[in-house]
Amino acid sequence: MELDKIFKIIIRNDCITTYELTKLGYIDEDIVELIDDGYLRRRERGVYVLADPEKLLEYARLIKDRKPDFYNELIK
């Protein structure tokens, strides 16, 4: 899963909605997987927030070579 778009929305808005996730191409099963993997947690119905900031940094480190701009933006 490409999580950078999700993380950018969360950083900008402090949350992401089901509508936004759907626009990014995620289906219900994908959202459940993001929750189960510890990336998102449900704040209220249809609204999700970052479950663990360490997951964001872990993801940024994984894609550091492929997307250095995203990595550099996160570690500022």
PDB file of N, CA and C in Angstrom:
ATOM      1  N   MET A   1       0.828  -1.191   0.000  1.00  0.00           N
ATOM      2  CA  MET A   1       0.000   0.000   0.000  1.00  0.00           C
ATOM      3  C   MET A   1       0.868   1.249   0.000  1.00  0.00           C
ATOM      4  N   GLU A   2       0.497   2.189  -0.798  1.00  0.00           N
ATOM      5  CA  GLU A   2       1.178   3.480  -0.802  1.00  0.00           C
ATOM      6  C   GLU A   2       0.489   4.368   0.235  1.00  0.00           C
ATOM      7  N   LEU A   3       1.186   4.629   1.292  1.00  0.00           N
ATOM      8  CA  LEU A   3       0.583   5.349   2.417  1.00  0.00           C
ATOM      9  C   LEU A   3       0.889   6.841   2.420  1.00  0.00           C
ATOM     10  N   ASP A   4       1.779   7.294   1.546  1.00  0.00           N
ATOM     11  CA  ASP A   4       2.201   8.687   1.624  1.00  0.00           C
ATOM     12  C   ASP A   4       1.059   9.672   1.426  1.00  0.00           C
ATOM     13  N   LYS A   5       0.114   9.358   0.544  1.00  0.00           N
ATOM     14  CA  LYS A   5      -1.023  10.273   0.345  1.00  0.00           C
ATOM     15  C   LYS A   5      -1.898  10.337   1.591  1.00  0.00           C
ATOM     16  N   ILE A   6      -2.082   9.193   2.245  1.00  0.00           N
ATOM     17  CA  ILE A   6      -2.862   9.161   3.484  1.00  0.00           C
ATOM     18  C   ILE A   6      -2.171  10.008   4.550  1.00  0.00           C
ATOM     19  N   PHE A   7      -0.872   9.805   4.711  1.00  0.00           N
ATOM     20  CA  PHE A   7      -0.131  10.541   5.731  1.00  0.00           C
ATOM     21  C   PHE A   7      -0.125  12.038   5.452  1.00  0.00           C
ATOM     22  N   LYS A   8      -0.016  12.428   4.196  1.00  0.00           N
ATOM     23  CA  LYS A   8      -0.032  13.857   3.874  1.00  0.00           C
ATOM     24  C   LYS A   8      -1.361  14.494   4.247  1.00  0.00           C
ATOM     25  N   ILE A   9      -2.456  13.787   3.995  1.00  0.00           N
ATOM     26  CA  ILE A   9      -3.774  14.315   4.364  1.00  0.00           C
ATOM     27  C   ILE A   9      -3.896  14.414   5.882  1.00  0.00           C
ATOM     28  N   ILE A  10      -3.427  13.392   6.589  1.00  0.00           N
ATOM     29  CA  ILE A  10      -3.502  13.421   8.054  1.00  0.00           C
ATOM     30  C   ILE A  10      -2.641  14.549   8.613  1.00  0.00           C
ATOM     31  N   ILE A  11      -1.472  14.748   8.060  1.00  0.00           N
ATOM     32  CA  ILE A  11      -0.601  15.831   8.524  1.00  0.00           C
ATOM     33  C   ILE A  11      -1.267  17.184   8.285  1.00  0.00           C
ATOM     34  N   ARG A  12      -1.891  17.337   7.128  1.00  0.00           N
ATOM     35  CA  ARG A  12      -2.524  18.612   6.782  1.00  0.00           C
ATOM     36  C   ARG A  12      -3.810  18.852   7.579  1.00  0.00           C
ATOM     37  N   ASN A  13      -4.642  17.810   7.750  1.00  0.00           N
ATOM     38  CA  ASN A  13      -5.969  17.979   8.340  1.00  0.00           C
ATOM     39  C   ASN A  13      -6.106  17.399   9.742  1.00  0.00           C
ATOM     40  N   ASP A  14      -5.101  16.728  10.224  1.00  0.00           N
ATOM     41  CA  ASP A  14      -5.129  16.053  11.522  1.00  0.00           C
ATOM     42  C   ASP A  14      -6.006  14.805  11.519  1.00  0.00           C
ATOM     43  N   CYS A  15      -6.605  14.462  10.373  1.00  0.00           N
ATOM     44  CA  CYS A  15      -7.420  13.258  10.259  1.00  0.00           C
ATOM     45  C   CYS A  15      -7.653  12.982   8.777  1.00  0.00           C
ATOM     46  N   ILE A  16      -8.248  11.825   8.503  1.00  0.00           N
ATOM     47  CA  ILE A  16      -8.661  11.489   7.143  1.00  0.00           C
ATOM     48  C   ILE A  16     -10.027  10.828   7.241  1.00  0.00           C
ATOM     49  N   THR A  17     -10.876  11.103   6.272  1.00  0.00           N
ATOM     50  CA  THR A  17     -12.231  10.564   6.297  1.00  0.00           C
ATOM     51  C   THR A  17     -12.346   9.353   5.376  1.00  0.00           C
ATOM     52  N   THR A  18     -13.404   8.609   5.583  1.00  0.00           N
ATOM     53  CA  THR A  18     -13.687   7.472   4.703  1.00  0.00           C
ATOM     54  C   THR A  18     -13.836   7.957   3.266  1.00  0.00           C
ATOM     55  N   TYR A  19     -14.467   9.094   3.091  1.00  0.00           N
ATOM     56  CA  TYR A  19     -14.646   9.667   1.754  1.00  0.00           C
ATOM     57  C   TYR A  19     -13.292   9.911   1.078  1.00  0.00           C
ATOM     58  N   GLU A  20     -12.357  10.493   1.816  1.00  0.00           N
ATOM     59  CA  GLU A  20     -11.030  10.754   1.250  1.00  0.00           C
ATOM     60  C   GLU A  20     -10.290   9.454   0.933  1.00  0.00           C
ATOM     61  N   LEU A  21     -10.402   8.477   1.816  1.00  0.00           N
ATOM     62  CA  LEU A  21      -9.771   7.179   1.567  1.00  0.00           C
ATOM     63  C   LEU A  21     -10.355   6.522   0.324  1.00  0.00           C
ATOM     64  N   THR A  22     -11.660   6.631   0.158  1.00  0.00           N
ATOM     65  CA  THR A  22     -12.321   6.072  -1.015  1.00  0.00           C
ATOM     66  C   THR A  22     -11.842   6.777  -2.284  1.00  0.00           C
ATOM     67  N   LYS A  23     -11.698   8.097  -2.219  1.00  0.00           N
ATOM     68  CA  LYS A  23     -11.194   8.845  -3.374  1.00  0.00           C
ATOM     69  C   LYS A  23      -9.780   8.413  -3.744  1.00  0.00           C
ATOM     70  N   LEU A  24      -9.000   7.981  -2.751  1.00  0.00           N
ATOM     71  CA  LEU A  24      -7.645   7.502  -3.008  1.00  0.00           C
ATOM     72  C   LEU A  24      -7.626   6.063  -3.515  1.00  0.00           C
ATOM     73  N   GLY A  25      -8.796   5.425  -3.561  1.00  0.00           N
ATOM     74  CA  GLY A  25      -8.889   4.078  -4.097  1.00  0.00           C
ATOM     75  C   GLY A  25      -8.939   2.968  -3.067  1.00  0.00           C
ATOM     76  N   TYR A  26      -9.054   3.321  -1.795  1.00  0.00           N
ATOM     77  CA  TYR A  26      -9.124   2.311  -0.740  1.00  0.00           C
ATOM     78  C   TYR A  26     -10.564   1.848  -0.556  1.00  0.00           C
ATOM     79  N   ILE A  27     -10.735   0.546  -0.357  1.00  0.00           N
ATOM     80  CA  ILE A  27     -12.053  -0.013  -0.088  1.00  0.00           C
ATOM     81  C   ILE A  27     -12.124  -0.374   1.396  1.00  0.00           C
ATOM     82  N   ASP A  28     -13.297  -0.785   1.843  1.00  0.00           N
ATOM     83  CA  ASP A  28     -13.496  -1.079   3.264  1.00  0.00           C
ATOM     84  C   ASP A  28     -12.463  -2.055   3.810  1.00  0.00           C
ATOM     85  N   GLU A  29     -12.152  -3.089   3.044  1.00  0.00           N
ATOM     86  CA  GLU A  29     -11.177  -4.083   3.495  1.00  0.00           C
ATOM     87  C   GLU A  29      -9.797  -3.463   3.675  1.00  0.00           C
ATOM     88  N   ASP A  30      -9.441  -2.524   2.810  1.00  0.00           N
ATOM     89  CA  ASP A  30      -8.151  -1.832   2.925  1.00  0.00           C
ATOM     90  C   ASP A  30      -8.103  -0.996   4.201  1.00  0.00           C
ATOM     91  N   ILE A  31      -9.202  -0.337   4.514  1.00  0.00           N
ATOM     92  CA  ILE A  31      -9.266   0.495   5.719  1.00  0.00           C
ATOM     93  C   ILE A  31      -9.113  -0.378   6.962  1.00  0.00           C
ATOM     94  N   VAL A  32      -9.781  -1.519   6.970  1.00  0.00           N
ATOM     95  CA  VAL A  32      -9.647  -2.454   8.088  1.00  0.00           C
ATOM     96  C   VAL A  32      -8.202  -2.921   8.211  1.00  0.00           C
ATOM     97  N   GLU A  33      -7.564  -3.173   7.082  1.00  0.00           N
ATOM     98  CA  GLU A  33      -6.157  -3.589   7.099  1.00  0.00           C
ATOM     99  C   GLU A  33      -5.256  -2.489   7.657  1.00  0.00           C
ATOM    100  N   LEU A  34      -5.511  -1.246   7.301  1.00  0.00           N
ATOM    101  CA  LEU A  34      -4.729  -0.127   7.832  1.00  0.00           C
ATOM    102  C   LEU A  34      -4.896  -0.010   9.349  1.00  0.00           C
ATOM    103  N   ILE A  35      -6.087  -0.278   9.821  1.00  0.00           N
ATOM    104  CA  ILE A  35      -6.339  -0.252  11.262  1.00  0.00           C
ATOM    105  C   ILE A  35      -5.633  -1.428  11.931  1.00  0.00           C
ATOM    106  N   ASP A  36      -5.801  -2.618  11.360  1.00  0.00           N
ATOM    107  CA  ASP A  36      -5.178  -3.819  11.926  1.00  0.00           C
ATOM    108  C   ASP A  36      -3.655  -3.732  11.931  1.00  0.00           C
ATOM    109  N   ASP A  37      -3.079  -3.077  10.922  1.00  0.00           N
ATOM    110  CA  ASP A  37      -1.625  -2.933  10.834  1.00  0.00           C
ATOM    111  C   ASP A  37      -1.099  -1.820  11.732  1.00  0.00           C
ATOM    112  N   GLY A  38      -1.998  -1.083  12.376  1.00  0.00           N
ATOM    113  CA  GLY A  38      -1.583  -0.062  13.337  1.00  0.00           C
ATOM    114  C   GLY A  38      -1.288   1.299  12.742  1.00  0.00           C
ATOM    115  N   TYR A  39      -1.691   1.532  11.492  1.00  0.00           N
ATOM    116  CA  TYR A  39      -1.466   2.839  10.887  1.00  0.00           C
ATOM    117  C   TYR A  39      -2.561   3.831  11.252  1.00  0.00           C
ATOM    118  N   LEU A  40      -3.801   3.383  11.268  1.00  0.00           N
ATOM    119  CA  LEU A  40      -4.932   4.260  11.553  1.00  0.00           C
ATOM    120  C   LEU A  40      -5.706   3.747  12.747  1.00  0.00           C
ATOM    121  N   ARG A  41      -6.412   4.673  13.390  1.00  0.00           N
ATOM    122  CA  ARG A  41      -7.403   4.286  14.392  1.00  0.00           C
ATOM    123  C   ARG A  41      -8.624   5.172  14.167  1.00  0.00           C
ATOM    124  N   ARG A  42      -9.754   4.629  14.508  1.00  0.00           N
ATOM    125  CA  ARG A  42     -11.006   5.345  14.293  1.00  0.00           C
ATOM    126  C   ARG A  42     -11.222   6.355  15.408  1.00  0.00           C
ATOM    127  N   ARG A  43     -11.393   7.620  15.031  1.00  0.00           N
ATOM    128  CA  ARG A  43     -11.687   8.661  16.013  1.00  0.00           C
ATOM    129  C   ARG A  43     -13.189   8.758  16.237  1.00  0.00           C
ATOM    130  N   GLU A  44     -13.920   8.689  15.150  1.00  0.00           N
ATOM    131  CA  GLU A  44     -15.383   8.673  15.182  1.00  0.00           C
ATOM    132  C   GLU A  44     -15.833   8.056  13.871  1.00  0.00           C
ATOM    133  N   ARG A  45     -17.109   7.870  13.718  1.00  0.00           N
ATOM    134  CA  ARG A  45     -17.603   7.226  12.512  1.00  0.00           C
ATOM    135  C   ARG A  45     -17.151   7.992  11.267  1.00  0.00           C
ATOM    136  N   GLY A  46     -16.416   7.295  10.397  1.00  0.00           N
ATOM    137  CA  GLY A  46     -15.974   7.874   9.137  1.00  0.00           C
ATOM    138  C   GLY A  46     -14.762   8.778   9.236  1.00  0.00           C
ATOM    139  N   VAL A  47     -14.149   8.877  10.409  1.00  0.00           N
ATOM    140  CA  VAL A  47     -12.989   9.754  10.611  1.00  0.00           C
ATOM    141  C   VAL A  47     -11.876   8.939  11.274  1.00  0.00           C
ATOM    142  N   TYR A  48     -10.688   8.995  10.677  1.00  0.00           N
ATOM    143  CA  TYR A  48      -9.554   8.224  11.167  1.00  0.00           C
ATOM    144  C   TYR A  48      -8.364   9.142  11.432  1.00  0.00           C
ATOM    145  N   VAL A  49      -7.576   8.760  12.411  1.00  0.00           N
ATOM    146  CA  VAL A  49      -6.368   9.501  12.757  1.00  0.00           C
ATOM    147  C   VAL A  49      -5.200   8.525  12.778  1.00  0.00           C
ATOM    148  N   LEU A  50      -4.007   9.079  12.853  1.00  0.00           N
ATOM    149  CA  LEU A  50      -2.803   8.262  12.926  1.00  0.00           C
ATOM    150  C   LEU A  50      -2.801   7.514  14.250  1.00  0.00           C
ATOM    151  N   ALA A  51      -2.655   6.208  14.187  1.00  0.00           N
ATOM    152  CA  ALA A  51      -2.700   5.388  15.397  1.00  0.00           C
ATOM    153  C   ALA A  51      -1.414   5.494  16.196  1.00  0.00           C
ATOM    154  N   ASP A  52      -0.285   5.535  15.496  1.00  0.00           N
ATOM    155  CA  ASP A  52       1.007   5.537  16.174  1.00  0.00           C
ATOM    156  C   ASP A  52       1.996   6.343  15.333  1.00  0.00           C
ATOM    157  N   PRO A  53       2.486   7.459  15.827  1.00  0.00           N
ATOM    158  CA  PRO A  53       3.437   8.268  15.061  1.00  0.00           C
ATOM    159  C   PRO A  53       4.674   7.491  14.625  1.00  0.00           C
ATOM    160  N   GLU A  54       5.064   6.485  15.384  1.00  0.00           N
ATOM    161  CA  GLU A  54       6.223   5.673  14.999  1.00  0.00           C
ATOM    162  C   GLU A  54       5.993   4.943  13.685  1.00  0.00           C
ATOM    163  N   LYS A  55       4.742   4.582  13.399  1.00  0.00           N
ATOM    164  CA  LYS A  55       4.418   3.909  12.129  1.00  0.00           C
ATOM    165  C   LYS A  55       4.699   4.836  10.951  1.00  0.00           C
ATOM    166  N   LEU A  56       4.417   6.115  11.121  1.00  0.00           N
ATOM    167  CA  LEU A  56       4.683   7.099  10.078  1.00  0.00           C
ATOM    168  C   LEU A  56       6.178   7.187   9.812  1.00  0.00           C
ATOM    169  N   LEU A  57       6.975   7.269  10.854  1.00  0.00           N
ATOM    170  CA  LEU A  57       8.424   7.338  10.681  1.00  0.00           C
ATOM    171  C   LEU A  57       8.976   6.041  10.119  1.00  0.00           C
ATOM    172  N   GLU A  58       8.431   4.919  10.548  1.00  0.00           N
ATOM    173  CA  GLU A  58       8.855   3.623  10.034  1.00  0.00           C
ATOM    174  C   GLU A  58       8.598   3.539   8.527  1.00  0.00           C
ATOM    175  N   TYR A  59       7.421   3.983   8.098  1.00  0.00           N
ATOM    176  CA  TYR A  59       7.076   3.987   6.677  1.00  0.00           C
ATOM    177  C   TYR A  59       8.007   4.927   5.901  1.00  0.00           C
ATOM    178  N   ALA A  60       8.257   6.093   6.457  1.00  0.00           N
ATOM    179  CA  ALA A  60       9.139   7.058   5.792  1.00  0.00           C
ATOM    180  C   ALA A  60      10.536   6.475   5.608  1.00  0.00           C
ATOM    181  N   ARG A  61      11.016   5.764   6.595  1.00  0.00           N
ATOM    182  CA  ARG A  61      12.345   5.138   6.476  1.00  0.00           C
ATOM    183  C   ARG A  61      12.349   4.062   5.398  1.00  0.00           C
ATOM    184  N   LEU A  62      11.261   3.314   5.282  1.00  0.00           N
ATOM    185  CA  LEU A  62      11.172   2.255   4.283  1.00  0.00           C
ATOM    186  C   LEU A  62      11.229   2.797   2.859  1.00  0.00           C
ATOM    187  N   ILE A  63      10.632   3.963   2.644  1.00  0.00           N
ATOM    188  CA  ILE A  63      10.584   4.507   1.284  1.00  0.00           C
ATOM    189  C   ILE A  63      11.594   5.629   1.057  1.00  0.00           C
ATOM    190  N   LYS A  64      12.505   5.787   1.965  1.00  0.00           N
ATOM    191  CA  LYS A  64      13.474   6.884   1.911  1.00  0.00           C
ATOM    192  C   LYS A  64      14.172   6.964   0.557  1.00  0.00           C
ATOM    193  N   ASP A  65      14.599   5.847   0.024  1.00  0.00           N
ATOM    194  CA  ASP A  65      15.324   5.849  -1.248  1.00  0.00           C
ATOM    195  C   ASP A  65      14.409   6.090  -2.447  1.00  0.00           C
ATOM    196  N   ARG A  66      13.187   5.607  -2.364  1.00  0.00           N
ATOM    197  CA  ARG A  66      12.258   5.766  -3.487  1.00  0.00           C
ATOM    198  C   ARG A  66      11.604   7.145  -3.515  1.00  0.00           C
ATOM    199  N   LYS A  67      11.340   7.719  -2.347  1.00  0.00           N
ATOM    200  CA  LYS A  67      10.650   9.005  -2.276  1.00  0.00           C
ATOM    201  C   LYS A  67      11.360   9.910  -1.266  1.00  0.00           C
ATOM    202  N   PRO A  68      12.547  10.385  -1.612  1.00  0.00           N
ATOM    203  CA  PRO A  68      13.308  11.191  -0.649  1.00  0.00           C
ATOM    204  C   PRO A  68      12.606  12.489  -0.239  1.00  0.00           C
ATOM    205  N   ASP A  69      11.833  13.094  -1.133  1.00  0.00           N
ATOM    206  CA  ASP A  69      11.130  14.334  -0.784  1.00  0.00           C
ATOM    207  C   ASP A  69      10.120  14.096   0.332  1.00  0.00           C
ATOM    208  N   PHE A  70       9.388  12.995   0.249  1.00  0.00           N
ATOM    209  CA  PHE A  70       8.417  12.657   1.293  1.00  0.00           C
ATOM    210  C   PHE A  70       9.136  12.416   2.618  1.00  0.00           C
ATOM    211  N   TYR A  71      10.220  11.675   2.570  1.00  0.00           N
ATOM    212  CA  TYR A  71      10.991  11.384   3.772  1.00  0.00           C
ATOM    213  C   TYR A  71      11.514  12.684   4.399  1.00  0.00           C
ATOM    214  N   ASN A  72      12.106  13.526   3.591  1.00  0.00           N
ATOM    215  CA  ASN A  72      12.675  14.774   4.101  1.00  0.00           C
ATOM    216  C   ASN A  72      11.607  15.687   4.690  1.00  0.00           C
ATOM    217  N   GLU A  73      10.416  15.679   4.109  1.00  0.00           N
ATOM    218  CA  GLU A  73       9.320  16.503   4.630  1.00  0.00           C
ATOM    219  C   GLU A  73       8.890  16.016   6.013  1.00  0.00           C
ATOM    220  N   LEU A  74       8.927  14.715   6.235  1.00  0.00           N
ATOM    221  CA  LEU A  74       8.476  14.156   7.509  1.00  0.00           C
ATOM    222  C   LEU A  74       9.483  14.316   8.641  1.00  0.00           C
ATOM    223  N   ILE A  75      10.767  14.313   8.311  1.00  0.00           N
ATOM    224  CA  ILE A  75      11.757  14.337   9.385  1.00  0.00           C
ATOM    225  C   ILE A  75      12.202  15.747   9.753  1.00  0.00           C
ATOM    226  N   LYS A  76      11.610  16.760   9.154  1.00  0.00           N
ATOM    227  CA  LYS A  76      11.958  18.142   9.480  1.00  0.00           C
ATOM    228  C   LYS A  76      11.825  18.412  10.955  1.00  0.00           C
TER     229      LYS A  76
END
